[in-house]
């Protein structure tokens, strides 16, 4: 079973999905972290040309685990959980994620993960392209200023020199790329429930979404 949360960068998808997973005792899947992992592999590979890099995808082995409120990612056996959260990766992730071959690679990985157990996942096209039959679909949004402040707090843990202006510019660029890409663009699924978190406390949005989940499905946890 899968519950999905889509929305633009910095809308609070990951922190919300993690908290719901913790409160309902279900699994958390961070799709953005998987795209960041592939992006990190591209940045550190010897194939700067994206089309040449795509040929290396069959060699990529991704593994992930959610424990102690952290989504850990390994690339070919190496833990890259901290490395994928840097500004350097953020600046290139949309370019990599817009490639159809990369999206197909990550989508296969996610679909294989959720065969067993109950998951909640966050991303940009989960409800429209990856899990169109998801039991519940949310679409989260917020003002760009609020999204940038949230993302800044997260990114400062691994990149102390990052500024609010840098993050706002990055989010604007990512929004434009995500919404205009030819392969699985960012958009709200027709049957998704929209959650605007601008001005809401974290607990308010979590409570609202958990109420919806518990009303619609029965969890045996």
N, C-alpha and C. Protein backbone atom coordinates (compact mmCIF):
# COMPACT_ATOMS: atom_id res chain seq x y z
N UNK A 1 0.85 -1.20 0.00
CA UNK A 1 0.00 0.00 0.00
C UNK A 1 0.88 1.24 0.00
N UNK A 2 0.48 2.26 -0.75
CA UNK A 2 1.29 3.46 -0.85
C UNK A 2 0.42 4.71 -0.73
N UNK A 3 0.88 5.66 0.08
CA UNK A 3 0.29 6.99 0.20
C UNK A 3 1.33 7.94 -0.37
N UNK A 4 0.95 8.87 -1.24
CA UNK A 4 1.94 9.75 -1.87
C UNK A 4 1.67 11.22 -1.55
N UNK A 5 2.76 11.96 -1.47
CA UNK A 5 2.70 13.41 -1.29
C UNK A 5 3.54 14.04 -2.39
N UNK A 6 2.91 14.76 -3.30
CA UNK A 6 3.62 15.48 -4.35
C UNK A 6 3.61 16.97 -4.03
N UNK A 7 4.46 17.71 -4.75
CA UNK A 7 4.49 19.15 -4.57
C UNK A 7 5.83 19.72 -4.97
N UNK A 8 5.94 21.04 -5.09
CA UNK A 8 7.19 21.68 -5.51
C UNK A 8 8.26 21.62 -4.43
N UNK A 9 9.48 21.96 -4.80
CA UNK A 9 10.62 21.94 -3.88
C UNK A 9 10.36 22.82 -2.67
N UNK A 10 10.66 22.29 -1.49
CA UNK A 10 10.56 23.08 -0.27
C UNK A 10 9.15 23.24 0.28
N UNK A 11 8.19 22.50 -0.25
CA UNK A 11 6.81 22.65 0.23
C UNK A 11 6.57 21.90 1.54
N UNK A 12 7.58 21.16 2.00
CA UNK A 12 7.47 20.46 3.28
C UNK A 12 7.09 19.01 3.14
N UNK A 13 7.21 18.47 1.93
CA UNK A 13 6.80 17.09 1.67
C UNK A 13 7.56 16.08 2.51
N UNK A 14 8.89 16.19 2.52
CA UNK A 14 9.70 15.18 3.20
C UNK A 14 9.48 15.18 4.70
N UNK A 15 9.53 16.35 5.32
CA UNK A 15 9.36 16.42 6.77
C UNK A 15 7.96 15.95 7.17
N UNK A 16 6.97 16.29 6.34
CA UNK A 16 5.60 15.86 6.62
C UNK A 16 5.46 14.35 6.47
N UNK A 17 6.00 13.81 5.38
CA UNK A 17 5.89 12.36 5.15
C UNK A 17 6.61 11.59 6.26
N UNK A 18 7.76 12.08 6.70
CA UNK A 18 8.50 11.42 7.78
C UNK A 18 7.67 11.40 9.07
N UNK A 19 7.09 12.54 9.41
CA UNK A 19 6.34 12.63 10.66
C UNK A 19 5.10 11.74 10.62
N UNK A 20 4.42 11.72 9.48
CA UNK A 20 3.24 10.85 9.35
C UNK A 20 3.67 9.39 9.46
N UNK A 21 4.81 9.04 8.83
CA UNK A 21 5.32 7.67 8.92
C UNK A 21 5.59 7.30 10.37
N UNK A 22 6.19 8.23 11.11
CA UNK A 22 6.51 7.96 12.52
C UNK A 22 5.26 7.80 13.37
N UNK A 23 4.29 8.68 13.17
CA UNK A 23 3.08 8.66 14.00
C UNK A 23 2.19 7.45 13.69
N UNK A 24 2.17 7.04 12.43
CA UNK A 24 1.32 5.92 12.03
C UNK A 24 2.07 4.60 11.97
N UNK A 25 3.38 4.66 12.27
CA UNK A 25 4.22 3.45 12.27
C UNK A 25 4.20 2.74 10.91
N UNK A 26 4.43 3.53 9.84
CA UNK A 26 4.55 2.97 8.50
C UNK A 26 5.91 3.36 7.91
N UNK A 27 6.24 2.83 6.75
CA UNK A 27 7.53 3.07 6.13
C UNK A 27 7.55 4.41 5.37
N UNK A 28 8.73 5.04 5.33
CA UNK A 28 8.90 6.30 4.59
C UNK A 28 9.83 6.09 3.41
N UNK A 29 9.44 6.66 2.26
CA UNK A 29 10.25 6.58 1.04
C UNK A 29 10.48 7.98 0.50
N UNK A 30 11.73 8.40 0.42
CA UNK A 30 12.11 9.73 -0.05
C UNK A 30 12.58 9.64 -1.49
N UNK A 31 11.68 9.90 -2.45
CA UNK A 31 12.06 9.78 -3.86
C UNK A 31 13.10 10.82 -4.26
N UNK A 32 13.01 12.01 -3.66
CA UNK A 32 13.98 13.05 -4.00
C UNK A 32 15.40 12.65 -3.65
N UNK A 33 15.56 11.91 -2.56
CA UNK A 33 16.89 11.45 -2.15
C UNK A 33 17.47 10.50 -3.19
N UNK A 34 16.62 9.71 -3.82
CA UNK A 34 17.10 8.77 -4.83
C UNK A 34 17.57 9.51 -6.08
N UNK A 35 16.84 10.56 -6.48
CA UNK A 35 17.30 11.38 -7.61
C UNK A 35 18.58 12.12 -7.27
N UNK A 36 18.68 12.56 -6.03
CA UNK A 36 19.91 13.22 -5.60
C UNK A 36 21.09 12.24 -5.62
N UNK A 37 20.82 10.99 -5.30
CA UNK A 37 21.89 9.98 -5.31
C UNK A 37 22.41 9.76 -6.72
N UNK A 38 21.50 9.68 -7.69
CA UNK A 38 21.93 9.52 -9.09
C UNK A 38 22.69 10.77 -9.55
N UNK A 39 22.21 11.94 -9.12
CA UNK A 39 22.88 13.20 -9.46
C UNK A 39 24.29 13.23 -8.87
N UNK A 40 24.42 12.80 -7.64
CA UNK A 40 25.74 12.74 -7.00
C UNK A 40 26.67 11.82 -7.79
N UNK A 41 26.14 10.71 -8.26
CA UNK A 41 26.95 9.77 -9.05
C UNK A 41 27.42 10.44 -10.33
N UNK A 42 26.54 11.22 -10.97
CA UNK A 42 26.93 11.92 -12.20
C UNK A 42 28.04 12.94 -11.91
N UNK A 43 27.85 13.73 -10.85
CA UNK A 43 28.83 14.76 -10.51
C UNK A 43 30.22 14.16 -10.25
N UNK A 44 30.24 13.00 -9.61
CA UNK A 44 31.51 12.39 -9.22
C UNK A 44 32.04 11.38 -10.24
N UNK A 45 31.31 11.19 -11.33
CA UNK A 45 31.76 10.25 -12.36
C UNK A 45 32.69 10.95 -13.34
N UNK A 46 33.24 10.18 -14.23
CA UNK A 46 34.14 10.73 -15.25
C UNK A 46 33.40 10.91 -16.57
N UNK A 47 32.08 10.99 -16.50
CA UNK A 47 31.26 11.16 -17.69
C UNK A 47 30.45 12.46 -17.57
N UNK A 48 31.08 13.62 -17.82
CA UNK A 48 30.38 14.90 -17.65
C UNK A 48 29.20 15.08 -18.61
N UNK A 49 29.26 14.44 -19.76
CA UNK A 49 28.15 14.52 -20.71
C UNK A 49 27.00 13.65 -20.22
N UNK A 50 25.80 14.23 -20.07
CA UNK A 50 24.69 13.52 -19.46
C UNK A 50 24.29 12.28 -20.26
N UNK A 51 24.35 12.35 -21.58
CA UNK A 51 23.96 11.20 -22.39
C UNK A 51 24.96 10.06 -22.21
N UNK A 52 26.23 10.39 -22.08
CA UNK A 52 27.24 9.35 -21.84
C UNK A 52 27.05 8.76 -20.45
N UNK A 53 26.68 9.61 -19.50
CA UNK A 53 26.49 9.14 -18.12
C UNK A 53 25.33 8.15 -18.03
N UNK A 54 24.27 8.40 -18.78
CA UNK A 54 23.09 7.54 -18.72
C UNK A 54 23.44 6.09 -19.03
N UNK A 55 24.46 5.89 -19.85
CA UNK A 55 24.89 4.53 -20.18
C UNK A 55 25.45 3.80 -18.97
N UNK A 56 25.81 4.56 -17.92
CA UNK A 56 26.36 3.95 -16.71
C UNK A 56 25.28 3.49 -15.73
N UNK A 57 24.02 3.85 -15.98
CA UNK A 57 22.96 3.53 -15.04
C UNK A 57 22.85 2.04 -14.69
N UNK A 58 23.06 1.12 -15.64
CA UNK A 58 23.00 -0.29 -15.26
C UNK A 58 24.02 -0.69 -14.19
N UNK A 59 25.08 0.13 -14.02
CA UNK A 59 26.10 -0.17 -13.03
C UNK A 59 25.74 0.39 -11.64
N UNK A 60 24.67 1.19 -11.57
CA UNK A 60 24.31 1.85 -10.32
C UNK A 60 23.49 0.92 -9.44
N UNK A 61 23.92 0.76 -8.21
CA UNK A 61 23.17 -0.03 -7.23
C UNK A 61 22.75 0.88 -6.09
N UNK A 62 21.45 1.14 -6.00
CA UNK A 62 20.92 1.99 -4.94
C UNK A 62 20.29 1.13 -3.85
N UNK A 63 20.50 1.53 -2.62
CA UNK A 63 19.79 0.90 -1.50
C UNK A 63 19.43 2.00 -0.52
N UNK A 64 18.33 1.81 0.19
CA UNK A 64 17.88 2.83 1.12
C UNK A 64 17.22 2.20 2.33
N UNK A 65 17.23 2.96 3.42
CA UNK A 65 16.63 2.48 4.67
C UNK A 65 16.21 3.68 5.51
N UNK A 66 15.02 3.60 6.08
CA UNK A 66 14.55 4.66 6.95
C UNK A 66 14.62 4.18 8.40
N UNK A 67 15.46 4.82 9.18
CA UNK A 67 15.57 4.47 10.59
C UNK A 67 15.99 5.69 11.39
N UNK A 68 15.52 5.75 12.61
CA UNK A 68 15.84 6.87 13.51
C UNK A 68 15.55 8.23 12.85
N UNK A 69 14.43 8.28 12.13
CA UNK A 69 13.97 9.52 11.49
C UNK A 69 14.90 10.04 10.39
N UNK A 70 15.73 9.18 9.85
CA UNK A 70 16.62 9.57 8.76
C UNK A 70 16.50 8.58 7.62
N UNK A 71 16.44 9.11 6.38
CA UNK A 71 16.38 8.27 5.20
C UNK A 71 17.82 8.10 4.69
N UNK A 72 18.37 6.93 4.92
CA UNK A 72 19.75 6.66 4.53
C UNK A 72 19.80 6.10 3.10
N UNK A 73 20.78 6.57 2.35
CA UNK A 73 20.95 6.12 0.96
C UNK A 73 22.37 5.64 0.75
N UNK A 74 22.49 4.49 0.12
CA UNK A 74 23.80 3.97 -0.26
C UNK A 74 23.88 3.87 -1.78
N UNK A 75 25.02 4.25 -2.30
CA UNK A 75 25.29 4.16 -3.73
C UNK A 75 26.45 3.21 -3.94
N UNK A 76 26.16 2.10 -4.59
CA UNK A 76 27.19 1.07 -4.79
C UNK A 76 27.89 0.70 -3.49
N UNK A 77 27.09 0.60 -2.42
CA UNK A 77 27.61 0.17 -1.13
C UNK A 77 28.13 1.26 -0.24
N UNK A 78 28.25 2.50 -0.75
CA UNK A 78 28.80 3.61 0.04
C UNK A 78 27.68 4.53 0.54
N UNK A 79 27.71 4.86 1.82
CA UNK A 79 26.71 5.74 2.41
C UNK A 79 26.94 7.17 1.92
N UNK A 80 25.95 7.74 1.21
CA UNK A 80 26.07 9.11 0.68
C UNK A 80 24.95 10.00 1.22
N UNK A 81 24.40 9.63 2.37
CA UNK A 81 23.26 10.34 2.95
C UNK A 81 23.54 11.83 3.12
N UNK A 82 24.71 12.21 3.61
CA UNK A 82 25.04 13.62 3.81
C UNK A 82 25.43 14.30 2.50
N UNK A 83 26.17 13.60 1.66
CA UNK A 83 26.67 14.19 0.42
C UNK A 83 25.56 14.65 -0.52
N UNK A 84 24.42 13.96 -0.52
CA UNK A 84 23.37 14.31 -1.48
C UNK A 84 22.59 15.55 -1.07
N UNK A 85 22.83 16.09 0.13
CA UNK A 85 22.09 17.25 0.61
C UNK A 85 22.84 18.57 0.40
N UNK A 86 23.91 18.57 -0.37
CA UNK A 86 24.68 19.79 -0.58
C UNK A 86 24.10 20.64 -1.71
N UNK A 87 24.46 21.92 -1.74
CA UNK A 87 24.00 22.83 -2.79
C UNK A 87 24.49 22.37 -4.16
N UNK A 88 25.69 21.80 -4.20
CA UNK A 88 26.24 21.33 -5.47
C UNK A 88 25.32 20.31 -6.13
N UNK A 89 24.79 19.40 -5.34
CA UNK A 89 23.85 18.40 -5.87
C UNK A 89 22.53 19.07 -6.22
N UNK A 90 22.04 19.97 -5.37
CA UNK A 90 20.76 20.65 -5.60
C UNK A 90 20.76 21.41 -6.92
N UNK A 91 21.89 21.98 -7.30
CA UNK A 91 21.98 22.77 -8.52
C UNK A 91 21.86 21.93 -9.79
N UNK A 92 22.09 20.63 -9.69
CA UNK A 92 22.09 19.78 -10.88
C UNK A 92 20.99 18.72 -10.89
N UNK A 93 20.27 18.56 -9.78
CA UNK A 93 19.34 17.44 -9.69
C UNK A 93 18.21 17.52 -10.71
N UNK A 94 17.70 18.73 -11.02
CA UNK A 94 16.63 18.84 -12.01
C UNK A 94 17.09 18.43 -13.39
N UNK A 95 18.33 18.81 -13.73
CA UNK A 95 18.90 18.45 -15.03
C UNK A 95 18.99 16.94 -15.19
N UNK A 96 19.39 16.26 -14.12
CA UNK A 96 19.51 14.80 -14.16
C UNK A 96 18.13 14.15 -14.11
N UNK A 97 17.27 14.65 -13.23
CA UNK A 97 15.96 14.03 -13.03
C UNK A 97 15.04 14.17 -14.23
N UNK A 98 15.30 15.14 -15.11
CA UNK A 98 14.44 15.33 -16.27
C UNK A 98 14.72 14.32 -17.38
N UNK A 99 15.81 13.55 -17.24
CA UNK A 99 16.14 12.55 -18.26
C UNK A 99 15.20 11.35 -18.13
N UNK A 100 14.51 10.96 -19.20
CA UNK A 100 13.55 9.84 -19.12
C UNK A 100 14.18 8.55 -18.60
N UNK A 101 15.42 8.27 -18.99
CA UNK A 101 16.09 7.04 -18.55
C UNK A 101 16.33 7.05 -17.05
N UNK A 102 16.67 8.22 -16.51
CA UNK A 102 16.90 8.34 -15.07
C UNK A 102 15.58 8.15 -14.32
N UNK A 103 14.52 8.76 -14.83
CA UNK A 103 13.22 8.64 -14.18
C UNK A 103 12.75 7.19 -14.19
N UNK A 104 12.96 6.51 -15.31
CA UNK A 104 12.55 5.10 -15.41
C UNK A 104 13.35 4.26 -14.41
N UNK A 105 14.63 4.56 -14.26
CA UNK A 105 15.50 3.82 -13.34
C UNK A 105 15.03 3.99 -11.90
N UNK A 106 14.79 5.23 -11.48
CA UNK A 106 14.37 5.50 -10.11
C UNK A 106 12.95 4.97 -9.86
N UNK A 107 12.08 5.11 -10.85
CA UNK A 107 10.70 4.62 -10.68
C UNK A 107 10.66 3.11 -10.47
N UNK A 108 11.48 2.38 -11.21
CA UNK A 108 11.53 0.92 -11.03
C UNK A 108 11.99 0.58 -9.62
N UNK A 109 13.00 1.31 -9.15
CA UNK A 109 13.52 1.07 -7.80
C UNK A 109 12.42 1.29 -6.76
N UNK A 110 11.65 2.36 -6.90
CA UNK A 110 10.61 2.66 -5.92
C UNK A 110 9.48 1.64 -5.97
N UNK A 111 9.07 1.27 -7.15
CA UNK A 111 7.97 0.30 -7.26
C UNK A 111 8.35 -1.04 -6.65
N UNK A 112 9.60 -1.41 -6.81
CA UNK A 112 10.06 -2.67 -6.21
C UNK A 112 10.06 -2.59 -4.68
N UNK A 113 10.37 -1.40 -4.14
CA UNK A 113 10.45 -1.23 -2.70
C UNK A 113 9.09 -1.40 -2.01
N UNK A 114 8.03 -0.93 -2.64
CA UNK A 114 6.74 -0.85 -1.95
C UNK A 114 5.85 -2.07 -2.18
N UNK A 115 6.43 -3.13 -2.71
CA UNK A 115 5.64 -4.35 -2.95
C UNK A 115 5.06 -4.87 -1.63
N UNK A 116 5.85 -4.79 -0.57
CA UNK A 116 5.40 -5.25 0.74
C UNK A 116 5.33 -4.08 1.72
N UNK A 117 4.47 -4.18 2.70
CA UNK A 117 4.33 -3.20 3.77
C UNK A 117 3.55 -1.96 3.30
N UNK A 118 3.37 -1.01 4.22
CA UNK A 118 2.66 0.23 3.95
C UNK A 118 3.67 1.37 3.92
N UNK A 119 3.66 2.15 2.85
CA UNK A 119 4.63 3.23 2.68
C UNK A 119 3.92 4.57 2.50
N UNK A 120 4.62 5.63 2.90
CA UNK A 120 4.26 6.98 2.50
C UNK A 120 5.48 7.55 1.81
N UNK A 121 5.28 8.15 0.64
CA UNK A 121 6.40 8.64 -0.16
C UNK A 121 6.15 10.07 -0.59
N UNK A 122 7.21 10.83 -0.77
CA UNK A 122 7.06 12.20 -1.26
C UNK A 122 7.88 12.39 -2.52
N UNK A 123 7.38 13.24 -3.40
CA UNK A 123 8.08 13.50 -4.65
C UNK A 123 7.40 14.59 -5.45
N UNK A 124 7.50 14.49 -6.77
CA UNK A 124 6.91 15.50 -7.65
C UNK A 124 5.91 14.92 -8.64
N UNK A 125 6.07 13.64 -8.97
CA UNK A 125 5.16 13.06 -9.95
C UNK A 125 4.67 11.67 -9.50
N UNK A 126 4.68 11.44 -8.20
CA UNK A 126 4.33 10.10 -7.71
C UNK A 126 2.87 9.76 -8.00
N UNK A 127 1.98 10.71 -7.76
CA UNK A 127 0.56 10.43 -7.95
C UNK A 127 0.14 10.40 -9.40
N UNK A 128 0.93 10.99 -10.29
CA UNK A 128 0.56 11.04 -11.70
C UNK A 128 1.30 9.99 -12.53
N UNK A 129 2.57 9.74 -12.23
CA UNK A 129 3.37 8.87 -13.10
C UNK A 129 3.84 7.57 -12.43
N UNK A 130 4.25 7.64 -11.18
CA UNK A 130 4.88 6.48 -10.54
C UNK A 130 3.85 5.56 -9.90
N UNK A 131 2.95 6.17 -9.09
CA UNK A 131 1.93 5.39 -8.39
C UNK A 131 0.54 5.97 -8.68
N UNK A 132 0.08 5.88 -9.92
CA UNK A 132 -1.22 6.46 -10.25
C UNK A 132 -2.39 5.81 -9.52
N UNK A 133 -2.17 4.60 -8.99
CA UNK A 133 -3.22 3.91 -8.25
C UNK A 133 -3.03 3.99 -6.74
N UNK A 134 -2.24 4.96 -6.28
CA UNK A 134 -2.01 5.13 -4.84
C UNK A 134 -3.32 5.29 -4.10
N UNK A 135 -3.38 4.71 -2.89
CA UNK A 135 -4.63 4.75 -2.12
C UNK A 135 -5.03 6.18 -1.75
N UNK A 136 -4.04 7.01 -1.40
CA UNK A 136 -4.30 8.41 -1.09
C UNK A 136 -3.21 9.26 -1.73
N UNK A 137 -3.62 10.38 -2.34
CA UNK A 137 -2.68 11.31 -2.96
C UNK A 137 -2.87 12.70 -2.37
N UNK A 138 -1.77 13.27 -1.91
CA UNK A 138 -1.78 14.65 -1.44
C UNK A 138 -0.93 15.50 -2.38
N UNK A 139 -1.28 16.78 -2.50
CA UNK A 139 -0.44 17.73 -3.23
C UNK A 139 -0.20 18.91 -2.30
N UNK A 140 1.04 19.06 -1.84
CA UNK A 140 1.38 20.12 -0.89
C UNK A 140 1.99 21.31 -1.61
N UNK A 141 1.66 22.50 -1.12
CA UNK A 141 2.25 23.71 -1.68
C UNK A 141 2.39 24.75 -0.58
N UNK A 142 3.14 25.81 -0.88
CA UNK A 142 3.34 26.93 0.05
C UNK A 142 3.96 28.07 -0.75
N UNK A 143 3.98 29.26 -0.18
CA UNK A 143 4.60 30.39 -0.87
C UNK A 143 6.09 30.12 -1.07
N UNK A 144 6.70 30.74 -2.07
CA UNK A 144 8.11 30.48 -2.36
C UNK A 144 9.00 30.95 -1.20
N UNK A 145 8.61 32.03 -0.52
CA UNK A 145 9.41 32.50 0.62
C UNK A 145 9.41 31.47 1.74
N UNK A 146 8.26 30.91 2.02
CA UNK A 146 8.17 29.93 3.09
C UNK A 146 8.92 28.65 2.71
N UNK A 147 8.82 28.26 1.45
CA UNK A 147 9.52 27.06 0.99
C UNK A 147 11.03 27.24 1.08
N UNK A 148 11.51 28.44 0.73
CA UNK A 148 12.95 28.70 0.77
C UNK A 148 13.48 28.68 2.20
N UNK A 149 12.73 29.23 3.15
CA UNK A 149 13.17 29.23 4.54
C UNK A 149 13.28 27.81 5.08
N UNK A 150 12.32 26.96 4.70
CA UNK A 150 12.36 25.57 5.16
C UNK A 150 13.56 24.84 4.56
N UNK A 151 13.78 25.03 3.27
CA UNK A 151 14.88 24.33 2.61
C UNK A 151 16.23 24.83 3.12
N UNK A 152 16.35 26.13 3.43
CA UNK A 152 17.59 26.69 3.95
C UNK A 152 17.98 26.00 5.24
N UNK A 153 17.02 25.82 6.14
CA UNK A 153 17.29 25.19 7.43
C UNK A 153 17.83 23.77 7.23
N UNK A 154 17.27 23.06 6.26
CA UNK A 154 17.70 21.69 5.97
C UNK A 154 19.11 21.67 5.37
N UNK A 155 19.37 22.58 4.43
CA UNK A 155 20.63 22.55 3.69
C UNK A 155 21.80 23.08 4.50
N UNK A 156 21.53 23.95 5.48
CA UNK A 156 22.62 24.50 6.30
C UNK A 156 23.32 23.43 7.12
N UNK A 157 22.68 22.28 7.30
CA UNK A 157 23.30 21.20 8.05
C UNK A 157 24.52 20.64 7.33
N UNK A 158 24.52 20.71 6.01
CA UNK A 158 25.64 20.18 5.23
C UNK A 158 26.36 21.24 4.42
N UNK A 159 25.82 22.47 4.38
CA UNK A 159 26.44 23.55 3.60
C UNK A 159 26.24 24.86 4.35
N UNK A 160 27.16 25.17 5.26
CA UNK A 160 27.00 26.31 6.17
C UNK A 160 27.00 27.66 5.45
N UNK A 161 27.55 27.75 4.24
CA UNK A 161 27.67 29.02 3.53
C UNK A 161 26.46 29.36 2.67
N UNK A 162 25.51 28.47 2.55
CA UNK A 162 24.34 28.70 1.72
C UNK A 162 23.49 29.84 2.28
N UNK A 163 22.92 30.69 1.42
CA UNK A 163 22.10 31.82 1.84
C UNK A 163 20.65 31.65 1.40
N UNK A 164 19.76 32.44 2.01
CA UNK A 164 18.35 32.39 1.64
C UNK A 164 18.16 32.78 0.17
N UNK A 165 18.91 33.75 -0.30
CA UNK A 165 18.81 34.17 -1.70
C UNK A 165 19.19 33.03 -2.63
N UNK A 166 20.27 32.32 -2.28
CA UNK A 166 20.70 31.17 -3.09
C UNK A 166 19.58 30.14 -3.19
N UNK A 167 18.96 29.86 -2.06
CA UNK A 167 17.92 28.82 -2.02
C UNK A 167 16.69 29.26 -2.81
N UNK A 168 16.29 30.53 -2.68
CA UNK A 168 15.13 31.02 -3.42
C UNK A 168 15.36 30.95 -4.92
N UNK A 169 16.56 31.33 -5.35
CA UNK A 169 16.88 31.25 -6.78
C UNK A 169 16.86 29.80 -7.27
N UNK A 170 17.41 28.92 -6.44
CA UNK A 170 17.43 27.50 -6.81
C UNK A 170 16.02 26.94 -6.90
N UNK A 171 15.15 27.31 -5.98
CA UNK A 171 13.77 26.81 -5.99
C UNK A 171 13.02 27.32 -7.22
N UNK A 172 13.21 28.61 -7.56
CA UNK A 172 12.54 29.15 -8.75
C UNK A 172 12.98 28.38 -10.01
N UNK A 173 14.28 28.12 -10.11
CA UNK A 173 14.79 27.38 -11.26
C UNK A 173 14.25 25.96 -11.29
N UNK A 174 14.18 25.32 -10.13
CA UNK A 174 13.70 23.94 -10.07
C UNK A 174 12.21 23.88 -10.39
N UNK A 175 11.44 24.85 -9.90
CA UNK A 175 10.02 24.88 -10.23
C UNK A 175 9.82 24.95 -11.74
N UNK A 176 10.58 25.85 -12.38
CA UNK A 176 10.44 26.03 -13.82
C UNK A 176 10.82 24.76 -14.58
N UNK A 177 11.91 24.14 -14.18
CA UNK A 177 12.37 22.92 -14.85
C UNK A 177 11.40 21.76 -14.59
N UNK A 178 10.96 21.62 -13.35
CA UNK A 178 10.07 20.51 -12.99
C UNK A 178 8.73 20.61 -13.71
N UNK A 179 8.22 21.83 -13.86
CA UNK A 179 6.90 22.01 -14.46
C UNK A 179 6.93 21.95 -15.98
N UNK A 180 8.10 22.18 -16.57
CA UNK A 180 8.17 22.24 -18.03
C UNK A 180 8.86 21.04 -18.67
N UNK A 181 9.38 20.10 -17.87
CA UNK A 181 10.08 18.97 -18.46
C UNK A 181 9.12 18.11 -19.27
N UNK A 182 9.63 17.50 -20.32
CA UNK A 182 8.80 16.69 -21.21
C UNK A 182 8.38 15.38 -20.55
N UNK A 183 9.26 14.82 -19.72
CA UNK A 183 8.99 13.52 -19.10
C UNK A 183 8.44 13.71 -17.69
N UNK A 184 7.18 13.32 -17.47
CA UNK A 184 6.55 13.36 -16.15
C UNK A 184 6.69 14.70 -15.44
N UNK A 185 6.15 15.79 -16.01
CA UNK A 185 6.28 17.10 -15.37
C UNK A 185 5.53 17.17 -14.04
N UNK A 186 5.98 18.11 -13.18
CA UNK A 186 5.31 18.33 -11.91
C UNK A 186 3.91 18.89 -12.15
N UNK A 187 2.91 18.20 -11.65
CA UNK A 187 1.54 18.71 -11.71
C UNK A 187 0.69 17.97 -10.68
N UNK A 188 -0.41 18.59 -10.31
CA UNK A 188 -1.31 18.00 -9.32
C UNK A 188 -2.17 16.94 -9.99
N UNK A 189 -2.20 15.74 -9.41
CA UNK A 189 -3.06 14.69 -9.93
C UNK A 189 -4.53 15.11 -9.76
N UNK A 190 -5.37 14.69 -10.69
CA UNK A 190 -6.78 15.09 -10.65
C UNK A 190 -7.46 14.67 -9.35
N UNK A 191 -7.04 13.53 -8.80
CA UNK A 191 -7.68 13.03 -7.58
C UNK A 191 -6.86 13.30 -6.32
N UNK A 192 -5.90 14.22 -6.41
CA UNK A 192 -5.08 14.54 -5.24
C UNK A 192 -5.78 15.56 -4.35
N UNK A 193 -5.52 15.47 -3.05
CA UNK A 193 -6.06 16.41 -2.07
C UNK A 193 -5.02 17.50 -1.85
N UNK A 194 -5.36 18.75 -2.16
CA UNK A 194 -4.38 19.84 -2.04
C UNK A 194 -4.28 20.33 -0.60
N UNK A 195 -3.04 20.46 -0.15
CA UNK A 195 -2.74 20.95 1.20
C UNK A 195 -1.83 22.17 1.07
N UNK A 196 -2.37 23.36 1.33
CA UNK A 196 -1.57 24.59 1.30
C UNK A 196 -1.10 24.86 2.73
N UNK A 197 0.22 24.79 2.93
CA UNK A 197 0.76 24.89 4.29
C UNK A 197 1.21 26.30 4.67
N UNK A 198 1.01 27.27 3.77
CA UNK A 198 1.40 28.64 4.08
C UNK A 198 0.65 29.12 5.32
N UNK A 199 1.40 29.53 6.33
CA UNK A 199 0.78 30.05 7.56
C UNK A 199 0.32 28.99 8.53
N UNK A 200 0.45 27.72 8.18
CA UNK A 200 0.04 26.65 9.09
C UNK A 200 1.23 26.18 9.92
N UNK A 201 0.95 25.79 11.15
CA UNK A 201 2.01 25.18 11.95
C UNK A 201 2.21 23.75 11.44
N UNK A 202 3.38 23.20 11.77
CA UNK A 202 3.67 21.83 11.35
C UNK A 202 2.65 20.86 11.92
N UNK A 203 2.32 21.00 13.19
CA UNK A 203 1.36 20.10 13.83
C UNK A 203 -0.02 20.20 13.20
N UNK A 204 -0.40 21.39 12.78
CA UNK A 204 -1.71 21.58 12.15
C UNK A 204 -1.81 20.79 10.84
N UNK A 205 -0.78 20.92 10.01
CA UNK A 205 -0.83 20.22 8.72
C UNK A 205 -0.75 18.71 8.91
N UNK A 206 0.06 18.25 9.88
CA UNK A 206 0.17 16.82 10.14
C UNK A 206 -1.18 16.26 10.62
N UNK A 207 -1.81 16.96 11.56
CA UNK A 207 -3.09 16.51 12.10
C UNK A 207 -4.15 16.44 11.01
N UNK A 208 -4.19 17.45 10.14
CA UNK A 208 -5.17 17.47 9.05
C UNK A 208 -4.99 16.26 8.14
N UNK A 209 -3.74 15.96 7.80
CA UNK A 209 -3.47 14.89 6.84
C UNK A 209 -3.70 13.51 7.47
N UNK A 210 -3.34 13.36 8.73
CA UNK A 210 -3.57 12.07 9.41
C UNK A 210 -5.06 11.81 9.54
N UNK A 211 -5.84 12.84 9.80
CA UNK A 211 -7.29 12.67 9.87
C UNK A 211 -7.84 12.15 8.55
N UNK A 212 -7.35 12.70 7.45
CA UNK A 212 -7.78 12.26 6.12
C UNK A 212 -7.39 10.80 5.89
N UNK A 213 -6.14 10.47 6.24
CA UNK A 213 -5.66 9.09 6.05
C UNK A 213 -6.50 8.10 6.85
N UNK A 214 -6.72 8.42 8.12
CA UNK A 214 -7.45 7.48 8.98
C UNK A 214 -8.92 7.37 8.59
N UNK A 215 -9.44 8.41 7.94
CA UNK A 215 -10.82 8.36 7.47
C UNK A 215 -10.96 7.48 6.23
N UNK A 216 -9.92 7.49 5.40
CA UNK A 216 -10.02 6.81 4.11
C UNK A 216 -9.54 5.36 4.12
N UNK A 217 -8.54 5.04 4.97
CA UNK A 217 -8.01 3.68 4.96
C UNK A 217 -7.81 3.18 6.38
N UNK A 218 -7.79 1.87 6.54
CA UNK A 218 -7.58 1.24 7.83
C UNK A 218 -6.17 0.67 7.86
N UNK A 219 -5.37 1.13 8.80
CA UNK A 219 -3.98 0.65 8.93
C UNK A 219 -3.90 -0.35 10.07
N UNK A 220 -3.31 -1.48 9.79
CA UNK A 220 -3.16 -2.52 10.80
C UNK A 220 -1.82 -2.37 11.52
N UNK A 221 -1.65 -1.25 12.19
CA UNK A 221 -0.41 -0.99 12.92
C UNK A 221 -0.77 -0.58 14.33
